[in-house]
């Protein structure tokens, strides 16, 4: 019998001038970046939460706490790699991932394919199994005012 599990992840970070912006493992040309203990890659953080949630292993903060010096400034691609090790240890593999980034600016269209490629490589998937989409909030709320960004991620795991 095939064991199929879904997971949903959500993360949000405030933005500040002069910080680097990383999304989906890719450096984005932007005057603002995410305020965070790690590199602030909100897309990878949401993806890790989706993967961990599918396995009922808690959330990213449980495994990579923002109170730990070990994770201060860490490249979130490392966190995704470690999360994928947990997925494999549990006997699962990722079928597909779907990620939606809500951010008013900058426009992310030029970065979508590099993000998909980066995430697919880390997860050991064909790029066709990783979807990354970007949207705005039509200038509404904290996202629309450019104060932050949010990411929703959904994964399907198969054993």
Protein backbone atom coordinates (compact mmCIF):
# COMPACT_ATOMS: atom_id res chain seq x y z
CA UNK A 1 0.00 0.00 0.00
CA UNK A 2 1.27 3.46 -0.90
CA UNK A 3 1.48 5.95 1.95
CA UNK A 4 0.80 9.48 0.73
CA UNK A 5 1.11 12.57 2.90
CA UNK A 6 0.53 16.25 2.26
CA UNK A 7 2.08 19.13 4.11
CA UNK A 8 1.43 22.85 4.17
CA UNK A 9 3.89 25.50 5.23
CA UNK A 10 3.64 29.22 5.79
CA UNK A 11 6.25 31.78 6.74
CA UNK A 12 6.45 35.53 6.85
CA UNK A 13 9.34 37.93 7.39
CA UNK A 14 9.59 41.67 7.76
CA UNK A 15 11.74 43.49 5.22
CA UNK A 16 14.40 46.12 5.92
CA UNK A 17 16.63 48.32 3.79
CA UNK A 18 20.19 47.18 3.16
CA UNK A 19 19.71 43.47 3.87
CA UNK A 20 20.25 40.81 1.19
CA UNK A 21 17.11 39.12 -0.15
CA UNK A 22 17.16 35.36 -0.71
CA UNK A 23 14.13 33.48 -2.05
CA UNK A 24 14.10 29.84 -3.05
CA UNK A 25 17.87 29.65 -2.64
CA UNK A 26 18.48 32.52 -5.08
CA UNK A 27 19.86 35.99 -4.33
CA UNK A 28 17.33 38.57 -5.53
CA UNK A 29 18.35 42.06 -6.63
CA UNK A 30 16.44 44.20 -4.13
CA UNK A 31 17.04 47.22 -1.88
CA UNK A 32 15.36 45.33 0.99
CA UNK A 33 15.87 41.91 2.51
CA UNK A 34 14.32 39.76 5.20
CA UNK A 35 14.99 40.37 8.85
CA UNK A 36 15.88 36.96 10.26
CA UNK A 37 18.24 34.90 12.40
CA UNK A 38 19.28 32.86 9.34
CA UNK A 39 19.66 34.22 5.81
CA UNK A 40 15.90 34.85 5.90
CA UNK A 41 14.91 32.75 2.89
CA UNK A 42 11.20 32.79 3.63
CA UNK A 43 10.45 30.48 0.66
CA UNK A 44 12.74 27.73 1.91
CA UNK A 45 11.45 28.18 5.46
CA UNK A 46 7.85 27.65 4.31
CA UNK A 47 8.95 24.65 2.24
CA UNK A 48 10.75 23.10 5.22
CA UNK A 49 7.62 23.61 7.33
CA UNK A 50 5.52 21.86 4.67
CA UNK A 51 7.92 18.90 4.57
CA UNK A 52 8.12 18.63 8.34
CA UNK A 53 4.36 19.03 8.67
CA UNK A 54 3.69 16.19 6.24
CA UNK A 55 5.65 13.92 8.56
CA UNK A 56 4.15 15.39 11.77
CA UNK A 57 7.66 16.38 12.90
CA UNK A 58 6.78 19.86 14.09
CA UNK A 59 8.03 23.02 12.43
CA UNK A 60 11.28 24.61 11.34
CA UNK A 61 11.69 26.39 14.68
CA UNK A 62 11.70 23.07 16.52
CA UNK A 63 14.55 21.67 14.43
CA UNK A 64 16.48 24.87 13.64
CA UNK A 65 15.71 27.31 16.49
CA UNK A 66 16.37 31.00 16.00
CA UNK A 67 17.91 31.05 19.48
CA UNK A 68 20.80 28.83 18.40
CA UNK A 69 24.15 30.28 17.39
CA UNK A 70 24.55 27.26 15.08
CA UNK A 71 21.88 28.68 12.78
CA UNK A 72 22.80 32.38 12.97
CA UNK A 73 23.21 33.61 9.39
CA UNK A 74 22.97 30.05 8.02
CA UNK A 75 22.24 29.50 4.34
CA UNK A 76 18.67 28.19 4.27
CA UNK A 77 19.63 25.75 1.51
CA UNK A 78 21.47 23.86 4.27
CA UNK A 79 18.27 23.77 6.32
CA UNK A 80 16.37 22.36 3.34
CA UNK A 81 19.06 19.75 2.77
CA UNK A 82 18.84 18.67 6.42
CA UNK A 83 15.05 18.58 6.21
CA UNK A 84 15.28 16.38 3.12
CA UNK A 85 17.51 14.02 5.11
CA UNK A 86 14.67 13.72 7.66
CA UNK A 87 12.22 12.99 4.84
CA UNK A 88 14.49 10.26 3.47
CA UNK A 89 15.14 8.82 6.95
CA UNK A 90 11.38 8.44 7.41
CA UNK A 91 11.25 6.46 4.15
CA UNK A 92 9.50 9.11 2.07
CA UNK A 93 10.28 10.96 -1.11
CA UNK A 94 8.84 14.19 -2.45
CA UNK A 95 6.42 13.82 -5.34
CA UNK A 96 6.00 17.55 -5.91
CA UNK A 97 6.14 20.95 -4.25
CA UNK A 98 4.07 24.06 -4.93
CA UNK A 99 5.22 27.41 -3.55
CA UNK A 100 3.51 30.81 -3.70
CA UNK A 101 5.45 33.94 -2.79
CA UNK A 102 3.42 37.03 -1.86
CA UNK A 103 5.57 40.14 -2.25
CA UNK A 104 4.78 43.55 -3.66
CA UNK A 105 8.25 44.26 -5.01
CA UNK A 106 10.62 43.53 -6.62
CA UNK A 107 9.07 41.68 -9.51
CA UNK A 108 10.13 38.05 -9.22
CA UNK A 109 9.40 36.73 -12.73
CA UNK A 110 13.10 36.68 -13.76
CA UNK A 111 13.96 34.58 -10.71
CA UNK A 112 11.24 31.92 -10.90
CA UNK A 113 13.17 29.42 -13.07
CA UNK A 114 16.41 29.74 -11.06
CA UNK A 115 14.42 29.19 -7.85
CA UNK A 116 12.71 26.12 -9.29
CA UNK A 117 16.07 24.74 -10.46
CA UNK A 118 17.75 25.34 -7.10
CA UNK A 119 14.95 23.80 -5.06
CA UNK A 120 14.57 20.84 -7.42
CA UNK A 121 18.28 20.09 -7.18
CA UNK A 122 18.29 20.14 -3.38
CA UNK A 123 15.16 17.95 -3.21
CA UNK A 124 16.43 15.54 -5.88
CA UNK A 125 13.52 16.25 -8.21
CA UNK A 126 12.97 17.08 -11.84
CA UNK A 127 12.21 20.77 -12.24
CA UNK A 128 8.74 19.87 -13.53
CA UNK A 129 7.87 18.71 -9.99
CA UNK A 130 8.63 22.10 -8.38
CA UNK A 131 6.28 25.03 -8.89
CA UNK A 132 7.14 28.55 -7.76
CA UNK A 133 4.66 31.35 -8.30
CA UNK A 134 4.76 34.99 -7.29
CA UNK A 135 1.89 37.32 -6.54
CA UNK A 136 1.29 40.72 -5.01
CA UNK A 137 -1.43 41.82 -2.64
CA UNK A 138 -2.48 44.70 -4.90
CA UNK A 139 -0.81 47.14 -2.46
CA UNK A 140 -2.98 45.94 0.44
CA UNK A 141 -1.69 45.17 3.94
CA UNK A 142 1.88 44.85 5.19
CA UNK A 143 2.90 43.01 2.02
CA UNK A 144 1.38 45.66 -0.22
CA UNK A 145 3.15 48.42 1.70
CA UNK A 146 6.47 46.62 1.14
CA UNK A 147 6.96 45.92 4.85
CA UNK A 148 7.25 42.16 4.47
CA UNK A 149 6.69 39.06 2.40
CA UNK A 150 4.88 35.79 2.97
CA UNK A 151 5.19 32.35 1.40
CA UNK A 152 2.79 29.40 1.24
CA UNK A 153 4.15 25.95 0.40
CA UNK A 154 2.46 22.62 -0.21
CA UNK A 155 4.17 19.26 -0.68
CA UNK A 156 3.12 15.72 -1.48
CA UNK A 157 5.23 12.92 0.00
CA UNK A 158 5.13 9.27 -1.05
CA UNK A 159 6.40 6.19 0.79
